[in-house]
C-alpha atoms as a PDB file:
ATOM      1  CA  UNK A   1     -12.542   7.686  40.734  1.00  0.00           C
ATOM      2  CA  UNK A   2     -13.922   9.376  37.779  1.00  0.00           C
ATOM      3  CA  UNK A   3     -11.306  12.166  38.536  1.00  0.00           C
ATOM      4  CA  UNK A   4      -8.483  10.051  37.865  1.00  0.00           C
ATOM      5  CA  UNK A   5     -10.001   8.182  34.989  1.00  0.00           C
ATOM      6  CA  UNK A   6     -10.112  11.000  32.935  1.00  0.00           C
ATOM      7  CA  UNK A   7      -6.665  11.852  32.736  1.00  0.00           C
ATOM      8  CA  UNK A   8      -5.767   8.927  32.552  1.00  0.00           C
ATOM      9  CA  UNK A   9      -7.852   8.102  29.401  1.00  0.00           C
ATOM     10  CA  UNK A  10      -6.553  11.705  28.008  1.00  0.00           C
ATOM     11  CA  UNK A  11      -2.954  10.765  28.656  1.00  0.00           C
ATOM     12  CA  UNK A  12      -3.365   6.723  26.827  1.00  0.00           C
ATOM     13  CA  UNK A  13      -4.897   9.008  23.689  1.00  0.00           C
ATOM     14  CA  UNK A  14      -2.330  11.084  23.781  1.00  0.00           C
ATOM     15  CA  UNK A  15       0.195   8.269  23.931  1.00  0.00           C
ATOM     16  CA  UNK A  16      -1.982   6.087  21.361  1.00  0.00           C
ATOM     17  CA  UNK A  17      -1.205   9.438  18.952  1.00  0.00           C
ATOM     18  CA  UNK A  18       2.671   9.606  19.255  1.00  0.00           C
ATOM     19  CA  UNK A  19       3.044   6.272  18.851  1.00  0.00           C
ATOM     20  CA  UNK A  20       1.898   5.575  15.168  1.00  0.00           C
ATOM     21  CA  UNK A  21       4.342   6.912  12.785  1.00  0.00           C
ATOM     22  CA  UNK A  22       2.368   5.153   9.578  1.00  0.00           C
ATOM     23  CA  UNK A  23       2.926   7.424   6.891  1.00  0.00           C
ATOM     24  CA  UNK A  24       0.606   9.835   5.191  1.00  0.00           C
ATOM     25  CA  UNK A  25      -0.613   8.196   1.143  1.00  0.00           C
ATOM     26  CA  UNK A  26       1.499  10.541  -0.807  1.00  0.00           C
ATOM     27  CA  UNK A  27       4.644   9.540   1.612  1.00  0.00           C
ATOM     28  CA  UNK A  28       4.192   6.398   0.814  1.00  0.00           C
ATOM     29  CA  UNK A  29       3.268   6.308  -2.571  1.00  0.00           C
ATOM     30  CA  UNK A  30       6.962   9.022  -3.087  1.00  0.00           C
ATOM     31  CA  UNK A  31       9.269   5.598  -1.110  1.00  0.00           C
ATOM     32  CA  UNK A  32       7.355   2.675  -3.034  1.00  0.00           C
ATOM     33  CA  UNK A  33       7.881   5.134  -6.618  1.00  0.00           C
ATOM     34  CA  UNK A  34      11.369   6.170  -5.618  1.00  0.00           C
ATOM     35  CA  UNK A  35      12.141   2.441  -5.682  1.00  0.00           C
ATOM     36  CA  UNK A  36      10.022   1.448  -8.695  1.00  0.00           C
ATOM     37  CA  UNK A  37      12.010   0.476 -12.109  1.00  0.00           C
ATOM     38  CA  UNK A  38      10.645   1.762 -15.886  1.00  0.00           C
ATOM     39  CA  UNK A  39       7.211   0.135 -16.159  1.00  0.00           C
ATOM     40  CA  UNK A  40       6.356  -3.233 -18.153  1.00  0.00           C
ATOM     41  CA  UNK A  41       3.877  -4.305 -20.762  1.00  0.00           C
ATOM     42  CA  UNK A  42       3.317  -7.957 -18.546  1.00  0.00           C
ATOM     43  CA  UNK A  43       4.310  -9.239 -15.757  1.00  0.00           C
ATOM     44  CA  UNK A  44       3.974 -13.254 -15.097  1.00  0.00           C
ATOM     45  CA  UNK A  45       1.416 -14.178 -13.306  1.00  0.00           C
ATOM     46  CA  UNK A  46       0.698 -16.665 -10.901  1.00  0.00           C
ATOM     47  CA  UNK A  47      -0.716 -16.979  -7.113  1.00  0.00           C
ATOM     48  CA  UNK A  48       0.216 -13.928  -5.399  1.00  0.00           C
ATOM     49  CA  UNK A  49       0.999 -13.639  -1.924  1.00  0.00           C
ATOM     50  CA  UNK A  50      -1.402 -10.258  -1.213  1.00  0.00           C
ATOM     51  CA  UNK A  51      -1.149  -6.654  -2.138  1.00  0.00           C
ATOM     52  CA  UNK A  52      -0.985  -3.391  -0.513  1.00  0.00           C
ATOM     53  CA  UNK A  53      -3.059  -0.188  -1.012  1.00  0.00           C
ATOM     54  CA  UNK A  54      -1.049   2.914  -1.472  1.00  0.00           C
ATOM     55  CA  UNK A  55      -4.127   4.998  -1.831  1.00  0.00           C
ATOM     56  CA  UNK A  56      -7.189   4.931  -4.218  1.00  0.00           C
ATOM     57  CA  UNK A  57      -5.120   4.294  -7.578  1.00  0.00           C
ATOM     58  CA  UNK A  58      -2.600   2.179  -6.672  1.00  0.00           C
ATOM     59  CA  UNK A  59      -1.526  -1.070  -4.977  1.00  0.00           C
ATOM     60  CA  UNK A  60       1.662  -3.204  -4.449  1.00  0.00           C
ATOM     61  CA  UNK A  61       1.862  -6.367  -5.691  1.00  0.00           C
ATOM     62  CA  UNK A  62       3.204  -9.419  -3.776  1.00  0.00           C
ATOM     63  CA  UNK A  63       4.301 -11.865  -5.348  1.00  0.00           C
ATOM     64  CA  UNK A  64       7.086 -13.715  -4.041  1.00  0.00           C
ATOM     65  CA  UNK A  65       9.267 -12.884  -1.239  1.00  0.00           C
ATOM     66  CA  UNK A  66      11.590 -10.454  -3.807  1.00  0.00           C
ATOM     67  CA  UNK A  67       9.011 -10.015  -6.161  1.00  0.00           C
ATOM     68  CA  UNK A  68       6.703  -6.905  -5.937  1.00  0.00           C
ATOM     69  CA  UNK A  69       4.815  -4.576  -8.341  1.00  0.00           C
ATOM     70  CA  UNK A  70       3.730  -1.100  -8.340  1.00  0.00           C
ATOM     71  CA  UNK A  71       0.418  -1.150 -10.272  1.00  0.00           C
ATOM     72  CA  UNK A  72      -1.042   2.407 -11.785  1.00  0.00           C
ATOM     73  CA  UNK A  73      -5.295   2.329 -11.895  1.00  0.00           C
ATOM     74  CA  UNK A  74      -7.309   4.208 -13.994  1.00  0.00           C
ATOM     75  CA  UNK A  75      -9.338   5.508 -11.198  1.00  0.00           C
ATOM     76  CA  UNK A  76      -9.875   5.907  -7.403  1.00  0.00           C
ATOM     77  CA  UNK A  77     -11.519   2.215  -7.812  1.00  0.00           C
ATOM     78  CA  UNK A  78      -9.977   1.088  -3.919  1.00  0.00           C
ATOM     79  CA  UNK A  79     -11.751   3.931  -2.335  1.00  0.00           C
ATOM     80  CA  UNK A  80     -12.965   1.190   1.083  1.00  0.00           C
ATOM     81  CA  UNK A  81     -14.895   3.114   2.638  1.00  0.00           C
ATOM     82  CA  UNK A  82     -17.454   2.132  -0.361  1.00  0.00           C
ATOM     83  CA  UNK A  83     -16.041  -0.973  -1.294  1.00  0.00           C
ATOM     84  CA  UNK A  84     -14.520  -4.087   0.180  1.00  0.00           C
ATOM     85  CA  UNK A  85     -10.525  -4.645   1.132  1.00  0.00           C
ATOM     86  CA  UNK A  86     -10.253  -7.545  -1.100  1.00  0.00           C
ATOM     87  CA  UNK A  87      -8.971  -7.298  -4.461  1.00  0.00           C
ATOM     88  CA  UNK A  88      -9.274  -9.610  -7.209  1.00  0.00           C
ATOM     89  CA  UNK A  89      -7.396  -9.263 -10.877  1.00  0.00           C
ATOM     90  CA  UNK A  90      -9.290 -10.261 -13.990  1.00  0.00           C
ATOM     91  CA  UNK A  91      -6.219 -11.687 -16.382  1.00  0.00           C
ATOM     92  CA  UNK A  92      -6.650 -11.513 -20.235  1.00  0.00           C
ATOM     93  CA  UNK A  93      -5.069 -14.409 -20.270  1.00  0.00           C
ATOM     94  CA  UNK A  94      -4.621 -15.843 -17.336  1.00  0.00           C
ATOM     95  CA  UNK A  95      -0.915 -16.192 -16.773  1.00  0.00           C
ATOM     96  CA  UNK A  96       0.012 -12.715 -17.600  1.00  0.00           C
ATOM     97  CA  UNK A  97      -0.529  -9.430 -16.156  1.00  0.00           C
ATOM     98  CA  UNK A  98      -0.945  -6.635 -18.545  1.00  0.00           C
ATOM     99  CA  UNK A  99      -2.243  -3.052 -19.121  1.00  0.00           C
ATOM    100  CA  UNK A 100      -5.233  -5.043 -20.926  1.00  0.00           C
ATOM    101  CA  UNK A 101      -6.313  -7.081 -17.483  1.00  0.00           C
ATOM    102  CA  UNK A 102      -8.321  -5.156 -14.060  1.00  0.00           C
ATOM    103  CA  UNK A 103      -9.027  -4.494 -11.135  1.00  0.00           C
ATOM    104  CA  UNK A 104     -11.827  -5.672  -9.513  1.00  0.00           C
ATOM    105  CA  UNK A 105     -13.080  -4.357  -6.205  1.00  0.00           C
ATOM    106  CA  UNK A 106     -15.025  -7.717  -4.551  1.00  0.00           C
ATOM    107  CA  UNK A 107     -18.334  -7.369  -3.553  1.00  0.00           C
ATOM    108  CA  UNK A 108     -19.270  -4.219  -5.707  1.00  0.00           C
ATOM    109  CA  UNK A 109     -19.494  -2.299  -8.962  1.00  0.00           C
ATOM    110  CA  UNK A 110     -16.193  -1.102  -9.041  1.00  0.00           C
ATOM    111  CA  UNK A 111     -13.381  -2.273 -11.581  1.00  0.00           C
ATOM    112  CA  UNK A 112     -10.464  -0.134 -13.287  1.00  0.00           C
ATOM    113  CA  UNK A 113      -7.586  -0.676 -15.854  1.00  0.00           C
ATOM    114  CA  UNK A 114      -4.133  -1.565 -15.206  1.00  0.00           C
ATOM    115  CA  UNK A 115      -2.416   1.941 -16.318  1.00  0.00           C
ATOM    116  CA  UNK A 116       1.077   1.112 -15.381  1.00  0.00           C
ATOM    117  CA  UNK A 117       3.359  -2.207 -13.890  1.00  0.00           C
ATOM    118  CA  UNK A 118       6.323  -1.470 -12.658  1.00  0.00           C
ATOM    119  CA  UNK A 119       9.142  -3.177 -11.006  1.00  0.00           C
ATOM    120  CA  UNK A 120      10.193  -2.375  -7.316  1.00  0.00           C
ATOM    121  CA  UNK A 121      13.517  -3.337  -5.411  1.00  0.00           C
ATOM    122  CA  UNK A 122      12.242  -5.062  -2.235  1.00  0.00           C
ATOM    123  CA  UNK A 123      15.452  -5.377  -0.211  1.00  0.00           C
ATOM    124  CA  UNK A 124      15.793  -1.664  -1.114  1.00  0.00           C
ATOM    125  CA  UNK A 125      12.129  -0.528  -0.066  1.00  0.00           C
ATOM    126  CA  UNK A 126      12.672  -2.699   3.351  1.00  0.00           C
ATOM    127  CA  UNK A 127      16.295  -0.673   3.756  1.00  0.00           C
ATOM    128  CA  UNK A 128      14.571   2.532   3.522  1.00  0.00           C
ATOM    129  CA  UNK A 129      11.437   1.687   5.369  1.00  0.00           C
ATOM    130  CA  UNK A 130      13.399   0.108   8.153  1.00  0.00           C
ATOM    131  CA  UNK A 131      15.906   3.315   8.310  1.00  0.00           C
ATOM    132  CA  UNK A 132      12.845   5.253   7.703  1.00  0.00           C
ATOM    133  CA  UNK A 133      11.102   3.772  11.117  1.00  0.00           C
ATOM    134  CA  UNK A 134      14.706   3.937  13.105  1.00  0.00           C
ATOM    135  CA  UNK A 135      14.507   7.360  12.358  1.00  0.00           C
ATOM    136  CA  UNK A 136      11.179   7.976  13.554  1.00  0.00           C
ATOM    137  CA  UNK A 137      11.810   6.732  16.902  1.00  0.00           C
ATOM    138  CA  UNK A 138      15.840   7.938  17.115  1.00  0.00           C
ATOM    139  CA  UNK A 139      13.754  11.513  16.735  1.00  0.00           C
ATOM    140  CA  UNK A 140      13.181  13.290  20.348  1.00  0.00           C
ATOM    141  CA  UNK A 141       8.953  14.115  20.647  1.00  0.00           C
ATOM    142  CA  UNK A 142       7.491  17.067  21.484  1.00  0.00           C
ATOM    143  CA  UNK A 143      10.231  19.438  19.502  1.00  0.00           C
END
């Protein structure tokens, strides 16, 4: 039984590794930057839907289904091995988010100033992500 178990586990591990098509942080950042508009000074800040960490200095803030913003932070304050996966935003006036505001890592002393806010073309970004996934599925494995 043990002789069958080891090859089975090795095969499952190999299949799981091949099934993972998550792009690197650098690839994800390049994709978001390619679909980001010119920097803005501030945005209207109401209850956000969520956020997505790109790397230690970039986060996407999702305000509505078709409204997202790429934030560039002043330092690497999003290192999950030292911080919490929850973010807070300290808005200077509560109604807008600007470069005067900070991203705060919950349960940590870490915070970073927002250096840049760029609007994302959400529809084009979704189309590009879909095309990437479909391209990864269509690629023959092992070559």
